[in-house]
């Protein structure tokens, strides 16, 4: 009895889409991030929430808020690297 060797091929396609995060509620976004292993560490959650609510008004960011956003991004980048 002979065995046939099957050759499987995987085809990948890269596409670009535009998605508005406003189409999703916060819980959906956080759940998806957790399922993918991406998330905001607990100790940074309060900082993220504070900056989120401070920047929601659509007003220009103050230099202090700009600095806080940069620090948060640096912290998150450092954890991902």
N, C-alpha and C. Protein backbone atom coordinates (compact mmCIF):
# COMPACT_ATOMS: atom_id res chain seq x y z
N UNK A 1 0.84 -1.17 0.00
CA UNK A 1 0.00 0.00 0.00
C UNK A 1 0.90 1.24 0.00
N UNK A 2 0.69 2.09 -0.94
CA UNK A 2 1.51 3.30 -1.03
C UNK A 2 0.75 4.49 -0.45
N UNK A 3 1.49 5.34 0.11
CA UNK A 3 0.90 6.57 0.68
C UNK A 3 1.24 7.74 -0.23
N UNK A 4 0.25 8.51 -0.51
CA UNK A 4 0.49 9.72 -1.28
C UNK A 4 0.79 10.87 -0.33
N UNK A 5 1.74 11.59 -0.69
CA UNK A 5 2.08 12.76 0.10
C UNK A 5 1.29 13.96 -0.44
N UNK A 6 0.57 14.58 0.43
CA UNK A 6 -0.23 15.73 0.02
C UNK A 6 0.55 17.01 0.25
N UNK A 7 0.52 17.83 -0.72
CA UNK A 7 1.16 19.14 -0.62
C UNK A 7 0.09 20.19 -0.38
N UNK A 8 0.20 20.84 0.74
CA UNK A 8 -0.75 21.90 1.06
C UNK A 8 -0.09 23.24 0.80
N UNK A 9 -0.86 24.14 0.29
CA UNK A 9 -0.35 25.48 0.02
C UNK A 9 -1.21 26.48 0.79
N UNK A 10 -0.55 27.47 1.29
CA UNK A 10 -1.24 28.54 1.99
C UNK A 10 -1.15 29.80 1.14
N UNK A 11 -2.27 30.42 0.93
CA UNK A 11 -2.32 31.66 0.16
C UNK A 11 -2.65 32.79 1.11
N UNK A 12 -1.85 33.83 1.07
CA UNK A 12 -2.08 35.00 1.92
C UNK A 12 -2.33 36.20 1.03
N UNK A 13 -3.21 37.03 1.48
CA UNK A 13 -3.53 38.26 0.74
C UNK A 13 -3.55 39.40 1.74
N UNK A 14 -2.87 40.46 1.41
CA UNK A 14 -2.84 41.63 2.29
C UNK A 14 -3.80 42.67 1.74
N UNK A 15 -4.65 43.17 2.62
CA UNK A 15 -5.60 44.20 2.21
C UNK A 15 -5.55 45.34 3.21
N UNK A 16 -5.98 46.50 2.77
CA UNK A 16 -6.07 47.65 3.66
C UNK A 16 -7.53 48.05 3.78
N UNK A 17 -7.94 48.29 5.00
CA UNK A 17 -9.31 48.75 5.24
C UNK A 17 -9.27 49.92 6.21
N UNK A 18 -10.27 50.75 6.11
CA UNK A 18 -10.40 51.83 7.07
C UNK A 18 -11.53 51.49 8.02
N UNK A 19 -11.22 51.56 9.30
CA UNK A 19 -12.20 51.23 10.33
C UNK A 19 -12.25 52.39 11.31
N UNK A 20 -13.44 52.80 11.62
CA UNK A 20 -13.61 53.84 12.62
C UNK A 20 -13.85 53.17 13.98
N UNK A 21 -13.00 53.48 14.94
CA UNK A 21 -13.17 52.88 16.26
C UNK A 21 -14.47 53.34 16.91
N UNK A 22 -15.05 54.42 16.40
CA UNK A 22 -16.34 54.87 16.90
C UNK A 22 -17.46 53.90 16.59
N UNK A 23 -17.22 52.98 15.64
CA UNK A 23 -18.23 51.97 15.31
C UNK A 23 -18.30 50.85 16.34
N UNK A 24 -17.36 50.82 17.25
CA UNK A 24 -17.28 49.76 18.26
C UNK A 24 -17.35 50.39 19.64
N UNK A 25 -17.94 49.68 20.59
CA UNK A 25 -17.93 50.22 21.95
C UNK A 25 -16.64 49.79 22.64
N UNK A 26 -16.33 50.46 23.73
CA UNK A 26 -15.05 50.22 24.43
C UNK A 26 -14.88 48.77 24.86
N UNK A 27 -15.96 48.15 25.33
CA UNK A 27 -15.87 46.76 25.79
C UNK A 27 -15.47 45.82 24.66
N UNK A 28 -16.01 46.05 23.45
CA UNK A 28 -15.66 45.21 22.30
C UNK A 28 -14.17 45.35 21.96
N UNK A 29 -13.69 46.58 21.99
CA UNK A 29 -12.28 46.83 21.66
C UNK A 29 -11.37 46.18 22.70
N UNK A 30 -11.69 46.35 23.98
CA UNK A 30 -10.87 45.75 25.04
C UNK A 30 -10.90 44.23 24.98
N UNK A 31 -12.06 43.66 24.71
CA UNK A 31 -12.18 42.20 24.61
C UNK A 31 -11.34 41.66 23.46
N UNK A 32 -11.41 42.31 22.33
CA UNK A 32 -10.61 41.88 21.17
C UNK A 32 -9.12 42.00 21.46
N UNK A 33 -8.71 43.08 22.09
CA UNK A 33 -7.30 43.26 22.43
C UNK A 33 -6.83 42.18 23.39
N UNK A 34 -7.64 41.84 24.38
CA UNK A 34 -7.27 40.79 25.33
C UNK A 34 -7.16 39.44 24.64
N UNK A 35 -8.08 39.14 23.72
CA UNK A 35 -8.03 37.87 23.00
C UNK A 35 -6.77 37.77 22.15
N UNK A 36 -6.29 38.89 21.67
CA UNK A 36 -5.07 38.91 20.86
C UNK A 36 -3.81 39.02 21.70
N UNK A 37 -3.98 39.11 23.00
CA UNK A 37 -2.82 39.22 23.88
C UNK A 37 -2.26 40.62 23.97
N UNK A 38 -3.04 41.59 23.54
CA UNK A 38 -2.62 42.98 23.59
C UNK A 38 -3.53 43.68 24.58
N UNK A 39 -2.97 44.39 25.46
CA UNK A 39 -3.81 45.08 26.42
C UNK A 39 -3.04 46.12 27.19
N UNK A 40 -3.76 46.86 27.93
CA UNK A 40 -3.15 47.89 28.77
C UNK A 40 -2.93 47.27 30.14
N UNK A 41 -1.71 47.29 30.62
CA UNK A 41 -1.45 46.74 31.95
C UNK A 41 -2.29 47.46 33.00
N UNK A 42 -2.67 46.74 34.02
CA UNK A 42 -3.56 47.27 35.05
C UNK A 42 -3.05 48.58 35.62
N UNK A 43 -1.74 48.65 35.87
CA UNK A 43 -1.19 49.85 36.49
C UNK A 43 -1.27 51.08 35.58
N UNK A 44 -1.44 50.88 34.27
CA UNK A 44 -1.55 51.99 33.34
C UNK A 44 -3.00 52.34 33.02
N UNK A 45 -3.92 51.51 33.43
CA UNK A 45 -5.32 51.71 33.05
C UNK A 45 -5.87 53.05 33.54
N UNK A 46 -5.56 53.43 34.76
CA UNK A 46 -6.05 54.71 35.30
C UNK A 46 -5.50 55.88 34.49
N UNK A 47 -4.23 55.80 34.10
CA UNK A 47 -3.62 56.86 33.30
C UNK A 47 -4.28 56.94 31.92
N UNK A 48 -4.54 55.79 31.33
CA UNK A 48 -5.19 55.75 30.02
C UNK A 48 -6.59 56.36 30.11
N UNK A 49 -7.34 55.97 31.12
CA UNK A 49 -8.71 56.49 31.27
C UNK A 49 -8.70 58.00 31.50
N UNK A 50 -7.78 58.47 32.33
CA UNK A 50 -7.71 59.91 32.61
C UNK A 50 -7.39 60.69 31.33
N UNK A 51 -6.43 60.20 30.55
CA UNK A 51 -6.07 60.88 29.31
C UNK A 51 -7.19 60.77 28.28
N UNK A 52 -7.86 59.65 28.26
CA UNK A 52 -8.98 59.47 27.32
C UNK A 52 -10.05 60.53 27.56
N UNK A 53 -10.46 60.68 28.81
CA UNK A 53 -11.52 61.64 29.10
C UNK A 53 -11.03 63.09 28.99
N UNK A 54 -9.76 63.32 29.24
CA UNK A 54 -9.21 64.67 29.13
C UNK A 54 -9.11 65.12 27.67
N UNK A 55 -9.03 64.17 26.73
CA UNK A 55 -8.84 64.53 25.32
C UNK A 55 -10.10 64.37 24.48
N UNK A 56 -11.22 64.03 25.08
CA UNK A 56 -12.45 63.77 24.32
C UNK A 56 -13.13 65.01 23.78
N UNK A 57 -12.88 66.16 24.34
CA UNK A 57 -13.63 67.36 23.97
C UNK A 57 -13.36 67.91 22.59
N UNK A 58 -12.30 67.47 21.95
CA UNK A 58 -11.96 68.00 20.64
C UNK A 58 -11.15 69.27 20.68
N UNK A 59 -10.87 69.77 21.89
CA UNK A 59 -10.04 70.97 22.04
C UNK A 59 -8.58 70.60 21.80
N UNK A 60 -7.76 71.56 21.42
CA UNK A 60 -6.33 71.27 21.27
C UNK A 60 -5.73 70.79 22.60
N UNK A 61 -4.76 69.92 22.50
CA UNK A 61 -4.11 69.41 23.71
C UNK A 61 -3.19 70.46 24.30
N UNK A 62 -3.26 70.59 25.59
CA UNK A 62 -2.34 71.50 26.28
C UNK A 62 -0.95 70.86 26.28
N UNK A 63 0.09 71.66 26.46
CA UNK A 63 1.44 71.09 26.53
C UNK A 63 1.55 70.01 27.61
N UNK A 64 0.87 70.20 28.73
CA UNK A 64 0.91 69.20 29.81
C UNK A 64 0.29 67.88 29.34
N UNK A 65 -0.87 67.95 28.67
CA UNK A 65 -1.50 66.73 28.17
C UNK A 65 -0.64 66.07 27.08
N UNK A 66 -0.05 66.87 26.22
CA UNK A 66 0.84 66.32 25.19
C UNK A 66 1.97 65.53 25.82
N UNK A 67 2.55 66.08 26.87
CA UNK A 67 3.63 65.41 27.57
C UNK A 67 3.16 64.10 28.20
N UNK A 68 1.97 64.11 28.79
CA UNK A 68 1.42 62.90 29.42
C UNK A 68 1.12 61.82 28.38
N UNK A 69 0.62 62.23 27.23
CA UNK A 69 0.34 61.27 26.16
C UNK A 69 1.65 60.65 25.67
N UNK A 70 2.67 61.48 25.47
CA UNK A 70 3.98 60.96 25.04
C UNK A 70 4.54 59.97 26.05
N UNK A 71 4.45 60.29 27.34
CA UNK A 71 4.95 59.39 28.39
C UNK A 71 4.21 58.06 28.37
N UNK A 72 2.90 58.12 28.21
CA UNK A 72 2.11 56.90 28.18
C UNK A 72 2.50 56.05 26.97
N UNK A 73 2.64 56.67 25.81
CA UNK A 73 3.03 55.92 24.61
C UNK A 73 4.42 55.31 24.77
N UNK A 74 5.33 56.04 25.40
CA UNK A 74 6.66 55.49 25.65
C UNK A 74 6.59 54.29 26.58
N UNK A 75 5.75 54.38 27.62
CA UNK A 75 5.57 53.25 28.55
C UNK A 75 5.02 52.04 27.83
N UNK A 76 3.99 52.27 27.00
CA UNK A 76 3.38 51.16 26.28
C UNK A 76 4.36 50.57 25.26
N UNK A 77 5.10 51.41 24.58
CA UNK A 77 6.08 50.93 23.61
C UNK A 77 7.16 50.11 24.30
N UNK A 78 7.60 50.58 25.45
CA UNK A 78 8.63 49.86 26.20
C UNK A 78 8.15 48.47 26.62
N UNK A 79 6.88 48.34 26.93
CA UNK A 79 6.34 47.03 27.32
C UNK A 79 6.22 46.11 26.13
N UNK A 80 5.98 46.68 24.92
CA UNK A 80 5.80 45.86 23.74
C UNK A 80 7.14 45.42 23.14
N UNK A 81 8.19 46.20 23.38
CA UNK A 81 9.50 45.89 22.78
C UNK A 81 10.17 44.71 23.44
